[in-house]
Protein backbone atom coordinates (compact mmCIF):
# COMPACT_ATOMS: atom_id res chain seq x y z
CA UNK A 1 0.20 -0.14 -0.19
CA UNK A 2 1.54 3.45 -0.86
CA UNK A 3 2.38 6.17 1.94
CA UNK A 4 0.14 8.33 2.92
CA UNK A 5 0.23 11.77 0.97
CA UNK A 6 1.90 14.37 3.38
CA UNK A 7 1.00 17.22 1.26
CA UNK A 8 -1.88 18.04 -1.14
CA UNK A 9 -1.54 16.77 -4.55
CA UNK A 10 -2.65 18.97 -7.27
CA UNK A 11 -2.72 16.66 -10.74
CA UNK A 12 -3.44 19.23 -14.42
CA UNK A 13 -4.29 18.64 -17.35
CA UNK A 14 -5.10 20.71 -20.55
CA UNK A 15 -3.85 24.85 -21.34
CA UNK A 16 -1.05 26.55 -19.31
CA UNK A 17 -3.96 28.73 -17.34
CA UNK A 18 -5.27 25.44 -15.78
CA UNK A 19 -1.23 25.15 -14.97
CA UNK A 20 -1.16 28.57 -13.60
CA UNK A 21 -4.65 27.97 -11.58
CA UNK A 22 -3.03 24.42 -9.90
CA UNK A 23 -0.60 26.79 -8.24
CA UNK A 24 -3.48 28.95 -6.43
CA UNK A 25 -4.89 25.72 -5.88
CA UNK A 26 -2.11 24.22 -4.46
CA UNK A 27 -1.93 26.76 -1.64
CA UNK A 28 -5.48 26.62 -0.88
CA UNK A 29 -5.43 23.22 0.19
CA UNK A 30 -2.34 23.28 1.72
CA UNK A 31 -3.33 26.01 3.95
CA UNK A 32 -6.48 24.67 4.91
CA UNK A 33 -4.68 21.83 5.74
CA UNK A 34 -5.89 19.18 3.22
CA UNK A 35 -2.56 17.34 3.76
CA UNK A 36 -4.80 13.56 2.21
CA UNK A 37 -5.96 15.39 -0.70
CA UNK A 38 -5.54 14.91 -4.47
CA UNK A 39 -7.14 17.64 -6.60
CA UNK A 40 -7.71 16.57 -10.98
CA UNK A 41 -8.14 19.88 -12.39
CA UNK A 42 -9.51 18.75 -15.67
CA UNK A 43 -9.60 19.96 -18.76
CA UNK A 44 -12.87 19.56 -21.73
CA UNK A 45 -11.46 20.41 -24.93
CA UNK A 46 -11.53 16.74 -26.11
CA UNK A 47 -13.71 14.30 -25.62
CA UNK A 48 -9.77 12.17 -24.82
CA UNK A 49 -8.62 14.83 -21.83
CA UNK A 50 -11.73 14.17 -20.47
CA UNK A 51 -11.48 10.27 -20.82
CA UNK A 52 -7.94 10.54 -19.69
CA UNK A 53 -8.91 12.27 -16.33
CA UNK A 54 -11.30 9.63 -15.66
CA UNK A 55 -8.84 7.20 -15.71
CA UNK A 56 -6.27 9.35 -13.63
CA UNK A 57 -8.94 9.74 -11.18
CA UNK A 58 -9.75 5.50 -10.69
CA UNK A 59 -5.87 5.27 -10.44
CA UNK A 60 -5.62 7.49 -7.86
CA UNK A 61 -8.43 5.73 -6.40
CA UNK A 62 -6.99 2.53 -6.34
CA UNK A 63 -3.65 3.88 -5.27
CA UNK A 64 -4.60 5.85 -2.27
CA UNK A 65 -7.72 4.54 -0.43
CA UNK A 66 -7.31 6.45 2.27
CA UNK A 67 -7.15 10.19 -0.25
CA UNK A 68 -9.76 12.80 0.02
CA UNK A 69 -10.31 13.19 -3.94
CA UNK A 70 -11.55 17.10 -5.48
CA UNK A 71 -12.18 16.66 -8.81
CA UNK A 72 -12.60 20.47 -10.46
CA UNK A 73 -11.96 22.44 -14.21
CA UNK A 74 -13.41 22.70 -17.44
CA UNK A 75 -14.65 19.14 -17.29
CA UNK A 76 -16.29 19.14 -14.20
CA UNK A 77 -17.85 22.43 -14.67
CA UNK A 78 -19.44 21.24 -18.18
CA UNK A 79 -20.55 18.09 -16.53
CA UNK A 80 -20.64 17.58 -12.36
CA UNK A 81 -23.26 15.20 -12.04
CA UNK A 82 -20.85 12.79 -14.46
CA UNK A 83 -17.86 12.94 -12.16
CA UNK A 84 -20.02 13.68 -9.09
CA UNK A 85 -21.49 9.89 -10.15
CA UNK A 86 -18.23 8.48 -9.78
CA UNK A 87 -17.40 6.55 -6.57
CA UNK A 88 -13.98 7.28 -6.53
CA UNK A 89 -14.67 11.34 -6.21
CA UNK A 90 -15.35 13.20 -2.99
CA UNK A 91 -16.28 16.33 -4.15
CA UNK A 92 -16.86 18.40 -7.11
CA UNK A 93 -15.69 21.92 -7.79
CA UNK A 94 -16.80 24.49 -10.35
CA UNK A 95 -13.97 26.74 -12.27
CA UNK A 96 -15.14 29.98 -10.39
CA UNK A 97 -15.24 28.30 -6.56
CA UNK A 98 -11.87 26.27 -7.18
CA UNK A 99 -10.24 29.57 -7.20
CA UNK A 100 -11.63 30.90 -4.03
CA UNK A 101 -10.26 29.37 -0.23
CA UNK A 102 -13.31 28.73 1.43
CA UNK A 103 -14.75 25.96 -0.45
CA UNK A 104 -10.99 23.81 0.53
CA UNK A 105 -11.50 25.54 4.67
CA UNK A 106 -14.98 23.75 3.98
CA UNK A 107 -13.70 20.53 2.83
CA UNK A 108 -10.87 20.35 5.75
CA UNK A 109 -13.84 20.70 8.36
CA UNK A 110 -16.08 18.03 6.97
CA UNK A 111 -18.88 20.98 6.26
CA UNK A 112 -19.03 20.97 2.43
CA UNK A 113 -21.56 20.11 0.03
CA UNK A 114 -20.38 17.49 -1.97
CA UNK A 115 -21.03 19.30 -5.34
CA UNK A 116 -20.23 23.00 -5.47
CA UNK A 117 -20.82 24.04 -9.35
CA UNK A 118 -22.60 27.49 -9.65
CA UNK A 119 -23.48 28.97 -12.96
CA UNK A 120 -20.71 30.08 -14.64
CA UNK A 121 -22.41 32.62 -17.40
CA UNK A 122 -23.08 34.54 -13.98
CA UNK A 123 -19.30 35.23 -13.31
CA UNK A 124 -18.38 38.83 -13.80
CA UNK A 125 -14.95 38.77 -12.34
CA UNK A 126 -11.21 37.42 -12.40
CA UNK A 127 -9.78 38.09 -9.88
CA UNK A 128 -5.94 38.24 -9.30
CA UNK A 129 -4.50 36.23 -7.82
CA UNK A 130 -0.88 36.68 -6.07
CA UNK A 131 1.92 33.74 -6.37
CA UNK A 132 5.31 34.09 -5.27
CA UNK A 133 6.46 30.05 -6.59
CA UNK A 134 5.88 28.04 -8.97
CA UNK A 135 7.19 24.65 -9.73
CA UNK A 136 10.48 25.83 -11.36
CA UNK A 137 11.89 29.08 -11.47
CA UNK A 138 12.25 29.25 -14.84
CA UNK A 139 9.63 31.55 -15.99
CA UNK A 140 5.63 32.02 -14.76
CA UNK A 141 2.61 32.44 -15.99
CA UNK A 142 0.19 34.57 -14.99
CA UNK A 143 -3.34 34.90 -15.74
CA UNK A 144 -4.82 38.09 -16.94
CA UNK A 145 -7.87 37.16 -18.66
CA UNK A 146 -10.74 34.56 -18.24
CA UNK A 147 -13.83 33.31 -20.36
CA UNK A 148 -14.42 33.11 -24.04
CA UNK A 149 -17.19 35.46 -25.55
CA UNK A 150 -16.99 33.85 -28.98
CA UNK A 151 -18.81 30.25 -29.66
CA UNK A 152 -16.50 28.66 -31.90
CA UNK A 153 -18.82 25.37 -32.97
CA UNK A 154 -16.26 23.02 -32.09
CA UNK A 155 -15.94 24.33 -29.09
CA UNK A 156 -17.04 23.55 -24.97
CA UNK A 157 -14.67 25.42 -23.47
CA UNK A 158 -17.03 28.53 -22.50
CA UNK A 159 -19.04 27.14 -20.91
CA UNK A 160 -16.63 25.56 -19.22
CA UNK A 161 -15.21 29.14 -18.40
CA UNK A 162 -17.81 31.76 -18.57
CA UNK A 163 -17.99 34.94 -20.43
CA UNK A 164 -14.93 36.89 -20.66
CA UNK A 165 -13.10 39.03 -18.32
CA UNK A 166 -10.44 40.30 -17.80
CA UNK A 167 -7.43 41.38 -14.21
CA UNK A 168 -7.10 44.78 -14.08
CA UNK A 169 -4.02 46.15 -15.25
CA UNK A 170 -2.72 47.37 -11.60
CA UNK A 171 -3.20 43.82 -10.28
CA UNK A 172 -0.86 42.34 -12.94
CA UNK A 173 1.35 44.85 -12.99
CA UNK A 174 2.22 43.84 -8.80
CA UNK A 175 2.00 40.00 -9.64
CA UNK A 176 4.44 40.62 -12.36
CA UNK A 177 6.74 42.84 -10.17
CA UNK A 178 6.69 39.75 -6.93
CA UNK A 179 7.57 37.62 -9.31
CA UNK A 180 10.53 39.42 -11.03
CA UNK A 181 11.30 40.37 -6.52
CA UNK A 182 11.16 36.25 -6.41
CA UNK A 183 13.95 36.19 -8.81
CA UNK A 184 11.72 35.15 -12.24
CA UNK A 185 13.60 36.46 -15.29
CA UNK A 186 10.57 35.56 -17.63
CA UNK A 187 6.62 35.88 -17.23
CA UNK A 188 4.09 34.58 -19.35
CA UNK A 189 0.83 36.36 -20.00
CA UNK A 190 -1.71 33.89 -20.08
CA UNK A 191 -5.71 33.62 -20.40
CA UNK A 192 -8.17 31.57 -22.64
CA UNK A 193 -8.70 34.61 -25.07
CA UNK A 194 -5.92 37.35 -23.93
CA UNK A 195 -6.50 39.36 -26.78
CA UNK A 196 -10.06 40.05 -25.76
CA UNK A 197 -8.53 41.40 -22.45
CA UNK A 198 -9.92 45.09 -21.48
CA UNK A 199 -13.49 46.18 -22.45
CA UNK A 200 -14.82 44.98 -19.32
CA UNK A 201 -12.61 47.13 -17.52
CA UNK A 202 -13.13 50.98 -16.82
CA UNK A 203 -11.15 53.27 -19.45
CA UNK A 204 -9.60 52.14 -22.71
CA UNK A 205 -8.16 49.18 -21.87
CA UNK A 206 -6.36 46.03 -24.42
CA UNK A 207 -3.71 43.82 -24.71
CA UNK A 208 -1.41 46.15 -26.01
CA UNK A 209 -2.33 48.21 -23.52
CA UNK A 210 -1.42 46.27 -20.36
CA UNK A 211 1.57 44.44 -22.23
CA UNK A 212 3.03 48.48 -22.14
CA UNK A 213 1.86 49.13 -19.06
CA UNK A 214 4.18 45.92 -18.13
CA UNK A 215 6.72 47.01 -19.66
CA UNK A 216 6.71 50.79 -18.38
CA UNK A 217 6.52 50.33 -14.58
CA UNK A 218 8.05 46.79 -14.24
CA UNK A 219 11.28 48.28 -16.05
CA UNK A 220 13.43 45.15 -14.13
CA UNK A 221 11.31 42.28 -15.77
CA UNK A 222 13.95 41.05 -18.96
CA UNK A 223 11.13 39.09 -20.68
CA UNK A 224 7.57 39.21 -21.30
CA UNK A 225 5.58 36.10 -23.38
CA UNK A 226 2.38 36.30 -24.60
CA UNK A 227 0.76 33.20 -24.82
CA UNK A 228 -2.02 31.52 -27.29
CA UNK A 229 -3.50 35.09 -29.40
CA UNK A 230 -6.04 35.37 -31.92
CA UNK A 231 -4.42 37.57 -34.83
CA UNK A 232 -7.95 38.70 -35.82
CA UNK A 233 -7.92 40.94 -32.32
CA UNK A 234 -4.27 42.17 -32.56
CA UNK A 235 -4.36 45.86 -32.77
CA UNK A 236 -1.72 48.49 -33.49
CA UNK A 237 -0.87 49.21 -29.63
CA UNK A 238 -0.43 45.45 -29.65
CA UNK A 239 1.41 45.00 -33.20
CA UNK A 240 3.67 47.77 -32.01
CA UNK A 241 4.87 45.82 -28.60
CA UNK A 242 5.09 42.48 -30.38
CA UNK A 243 7.30 44.06 -33.04
CA UNK A 244 9.55 47.01 -31.49
CA UNK A 245 10.00 46.02 -28.03
CA UNK A 246 13.19 43.19 -27.51
CA UNK A 247 11.57 42.88 -23.61
CA UNK A 248 8.56 41.29 -25.68
CA UNK A 249 9.84 37.39 -26.41
CA UNK A 250 9.74 36.48 -30.60
CA UNK A 251 7.14 33.88 -30.62
CA UNK A 252 3.36 34.13 -31.10
CA UNK A 253 1.07 31.40 -31.02
CA UNK A 254 -1.56 31.73 -32.90
CA UNK A 255 -5.46 30.11 -33.04
CA UNK A 256 -5.71 29.66 -36.67
CA UNK A 257 -7.65 25.47 -36.54
CA UNK A 258 -7.87 26.12 -40.28
CA UNK A 259 -6.36 26.85 -43.37
CA UNK A 260 -9.50 26.73 -45.52
CA UNK A 261 -12.06 29.50 -45.78
CA UNK A 262 -15.20 27.69 -45.24
CA UNK A 263 -13.96 25.23 -42.73
CA UNK A 264 -13.51 28.33 -41.19
CA UNK A 265 -16.52 29.83 -41.45
CA UNK A 266 -18.41 26.76 -40.33
CA UNK A 267 -16.13 26.85 -36.94
CA UNK A 268 -17.25 30.41 -37.09
CA UNK A 269 -14.12 31.96 -36.96
CA UNK A 270 -13.40 35.36 -37.13
CA UNK A 271 -10.84 35.15 -39.36
CA UNK A 272 -9.74 33.99 -43.14
CA UNK A 273 -6.75 32.26 -44.65
CA UNK A 274 -5.79 35.79 -46.36
CA UNK A 275 -5.79 37.76 -43.10
CA UNK A 276 -3.83 34.63 -41.48
CA UNK A 277 -0.79 35.30 -44.21
CA UNK A 278 -1.13 38.53 -44.43
CA UNK A 279 -0.69 38.77 -40.29
CA UNK A 280 2.34 36.39 -40.44
CA UNK A 281 3.73 38.78 -43.29
CA UNK A 282 3.47 41.67 -41.20
CA UNK A 283 4.79 40.76 -38.36
CA UNK A 284 7.59 39.68 -39.90
CA UNK A 285 8.70 41.98 -42.16
CA UNK A 286 8.45 44.12 -38.83
CA UNK A 287 10.58 41.87 -36.47
CA UNK A 288 12.59 38.53 -38.95
CA UNK A 289 13.27 36.53 -35.70
CA UNK A 290 9.45 36.14 -35.24
CA UNK A 291 9.00 32.43 -34.87
CA UNK A 292 5.11 31.40 -35.22
CA UNK A 293 3.33 28.23 -33.64
CA UNK A 294 -0.31 27.72 -34.23
CA UNK A 295 -3.12 25.46 -33.34
CA UNK A 296 -4.87 23.05 -35.93
CA UNK A 297 -8.06 20.48 -35.69
CA UNK A 298 -7.64 18.04 -38.37
CA UNK A 299 -11.04 16.39 -39.32
CA UNK A 300 -13.15 19.14 -38.74
CA UNK A 301 -16.93 18.04 -39.70
CA UNK A 302 -17.74 18.45 -43.61
CA UNK A 303 -13.60 18.89 -44.11
CA UNK A 304 -12.82 17.40 -47.73
CA UNK A 305 -9.40 16.65 -49.15
CA UNK A 306 -9.11 19.63 -50.82
CA UNK A 307 -9.92 21.71 -47.71
CA UNK A 308 -7.49 19.72 -45.43
CA UNK A 309 -4.82 20.63 -48.59
CA UNK A 310 -5.24 24.41 -47.93
CA UNK A 311 -4.52 23.60 -44.04
CA UNK A 312 -1.09 21.67 -45.13
CA UNK A 313 -0.26 24.38 -47.57
CA UNK A 314 -1.11 27.02 -44.54
CA UNK A 315 1.89 25.79 -42.82
CA UNK A 316 4.39 26.79 -45.57
CA UNK A 317 2.62 30.16 -46.33
CA UNK A 318 2.35 31.35 -42.51
CA UNK A 319 5.82 30.32 -42.00
CA UNK A 320 5.03 28.31 -39.21
CA UNK A 321 7.56 26.07 -36.99
CA UNK A 322 5.47 24.74 -33.57
CA UNK A 323 2.27 22.83 -34.66
CA UNK A 324 -0.55 21.43 -32.08
CA UNK A 325 -2.11 19.40 -33.81
CA UNK A 326 -5.72 18.21 -32.84
CA UNK A 327 -7.43 15.30 -34.42
CA UNK A 328 -11.64 16.41 -34.68
CA UNK A 329 -13.35 15.15 -31.11
CA UNK A 330 -16.96 15.41 -31.37
CA UNK A 331 -17.92 17.30 -28.17
CA UNK A 332 -22.12 17.01 -27.56
CA UNK A 333 -23.64 19.91 -27.02
CA UNK A 334 -21.93 21.95 -29.59
CA UNK A 335 -22.86 22.32 -33.10
CA UNK A 336 -20.16 20.93 -34.36
CA UNK A 337 -21.68 17.92 -32.92
CA UNK A 338 -24.72 17.93 -35.86
CA UNK A 339 -22.74 18.61 -38.46
CA UNK A 340 -21.84 15.69 -41.37
CA UNK A 341 -18.64 14.15 -39.56
CA UNK A 342 -15.66 12.85 -41.24
CA UNK A 343 -14.55 9.19 -40.56
CA UNK A 344 -11.86 8.09 -37.64
CA UNK A 345 -9.55 6.48 -39.97
CA UNK A 346 -9.40 9.89 -42.06
CA UNK A 347 -9.24 11.99 -39.54
CA UNK A 348 -6.41 9.95 -37.50
CA UNK A 349 -4.17 10.09 -40.98
CA UNK A 350 -4.74 14.11 -41.44
CA UNK A 351 -3.54 14.41 -38.17
CA UNK A 352 -0.79 12.44 -38.83
CA UNK A 353 0.25 14.10 -41.47
CA UNK A 354 -0.58 17.41 -40.40
CA UNK A 355 2.15 16.89 -37.86
CA UNK A 356 4.37 15.32 -40.01
CA UNK A 357 4.72 18.79 -41.94
CA UNK A 358 4.96 20.76 -38.51
CA UNK A 359 7.93 18.05 -38.06
CA UNK A 360 9.55 19.18 -41.22
CA UNK A 361 8.97 23.07 -39.94
CA UNK A 362 10.58 22.41 -37.51
CA UNK A 363 13.48 20.69 -38.68
CA UNK A 364 14.00 23.80 -40.97
CA UNK A 365 13.72 26.25 -38.19
CA UNK A 366 16.21 24.26 -36.41
CA UNK A 367 19.05 24.45 -39.36
CA UNK A 368 18.88 28.35 -39.19
CA UNK A 369 20.39 28.56 -35.67
CA UNK A 370 23.27 25.65 -35.96
CA UNK A 371 26.45 28.07 -35.78
CA UNK A 372 25.01 30.63 -34.31
CA UNK A 373 25.27 31.90 -30.57
CA UNK A 374 21.76 32.40 -28.87
CA UNK A 375 20.92 33.22 -25.19
CA UNK A 376 19.13 30.26 -23.57
CA UNK A 377 16.50 30.63 -20.49
CA UNK A 378 17.50 27.54 -18.16
CA UNK A 379 14.41 25.19 -17.58
CA UNK A 380 16.56 22.46 -16.31
CA UNK A 381 20.35 21.60 -15.76
CA UNK A 382 20.82 20.39 -19.35
CA UNK A 383 17.63 21.88 -21.01
CA UNK A 384 16.66 25.26 -21.72
CA UNK A 385 15.14 27.58 -24.76
CA UNK A 386 15.83 30.16 -27.21
CA UNK A 387 14.29 33.93 -26.90
CA UNK A 388 11.54 32.44 -29.89
CA UNK A 389 10.77 29.39 -27.36
CA UNK A 390 13.17 26.86 -29.67
CA UNK A 391 14.40 24.02 -27.66
CA UNK A 392 17.60 23.31 -26.53
CA UNK A 393 19.69 20.82 -25.01
CA UNK A 394 23.13 22.07 -23.57
CA UNK A 395 25.82 19.47 -23.48
CA UNK A 396 28.41 19.16 -20.55
CA UNK A 397 26.87 21.98 -18.22
CA UNK A 398 24.23 22.30 -15.30
CA UNK A 399 22.51 25.12 -15.18
CA UNK A 400 20.00 26.64 -12.73
CA UNK A 401 16.67 27.12 -13.86
CA UNK A 402 16.01 30.79 -14.43
CA UNK A 403 19.26 31.61 -15.63
CA UNK A 404 20.17 33.13 -18.83
CA UNK A 405 23.44 31.13 -20.93
CA UNK A 406 25.07 32.60 -23.81
CA UNK A 407 25.20 29.12 -25.80
CA UNK A 408 26.71 28.30 -29.35
CA UNK A 409 24.40 26.47 -31.19
CA UNK A 410 26.57 22.82 -32.48
CA UNK A 411 23.16 20.87 -34.17
CA UNK A 412 20.02 19.83 -33.66
CA UNK A 413 18.08 16.21 -33.29
CA UNK A 414 15.12 17.01 -35.30
CA UNK A 415 13.26 18.03 -31.99
CA UNK A 416 15.43 19.92 -30.47
CA UNK A 417 18.71 22.09 -31.19
CA UNK A 418 22.20 21.22 -29.33
CA UNK A 419 24.42 23.56 -27.92
CA UNK A 420 27.66 24.27 -25.57
CA UNK A 421 28.05 27.07 -23.73
CA UNK A 422 29.91 29.82 -24.54
CA UNK A 423 32.37 32.41 -23.38
CA UNK A 424 32.99 34.43 -25.82
């Protein structure tokens, strides 16, 4: 039998925002004295992510029969009854409730109801959460926005996260300064749809103005990074911050999803393929070292071979490097679930082909770095990333997380650069 848990354990599925929120949840659980608790912070972006969470919960109960198991996150918000029906689960928390200290204190007293999930659409604010420590010292993720006002036909996330709401700029700046004071060299702004930041706040607020505010008021922050953005929402202020300021890291991850205009319309996306191509070209013209990643869905309902080819071609036309490929997965309750479906074998084949295109693009990108000397932010003793987020494995060195090392790039293994310390 496994030894009893000595501290609360948080198991995280899904996005970077979930990872940030897990840090807050771990602090709440620890403060509440939930020493023998396992908290599952679930994801609902695909049916597979929900299945994996259920599987992990069952395994945790087998291995920790005396633990208190708490399930929260997007999958729990969307389907609280489904998780409450699992005999392994003690409590189910909603996405708003999981970020508050009181439910964890109630669990410790044995005074809480089994399911505590409110209507997420009624939530109007996202409160700042001050965190002084993360799992490693390389970079810190902070939440600046939550929820989404858009209703893409494939996506269940708005029903797990609610409508878009922003953290006030002053609170964001305070958190960034605290992290810098703790020794972090890089901060990543995260959220569900961070380019929608601002309209719910007083005054003329936007993501670009927030970035500008951070750079001005935290001058000792060396590196600021943006998580996934929606290019159609990039205004001129944000464009200027991205292209003109070297403290903003030269890597953008775009929510593209498809390269075919008809599929984009059926997804209810707000951009078309021409906009994606023009945006990448305009950013790269202004800042040539910029590197782009993108999310794509393979096998969306009604997608033909020709439509899929348009997506493959977009990888080259936009000069993309880092691809996140998701085989289309039916989410009950979404409009796409009612559309004519692509068969599973075709979805799997297209996802594999798209990943191969991504591997080819990454290899070509890695080729361009060989022979250069670059800065590497260390994440582990022998691993770090360039400013453009390219992974680097360092030979014969032992760096501390958060340390920035000058590194000579000697080659690559098709997935990461290989390098050694430079003392020039």
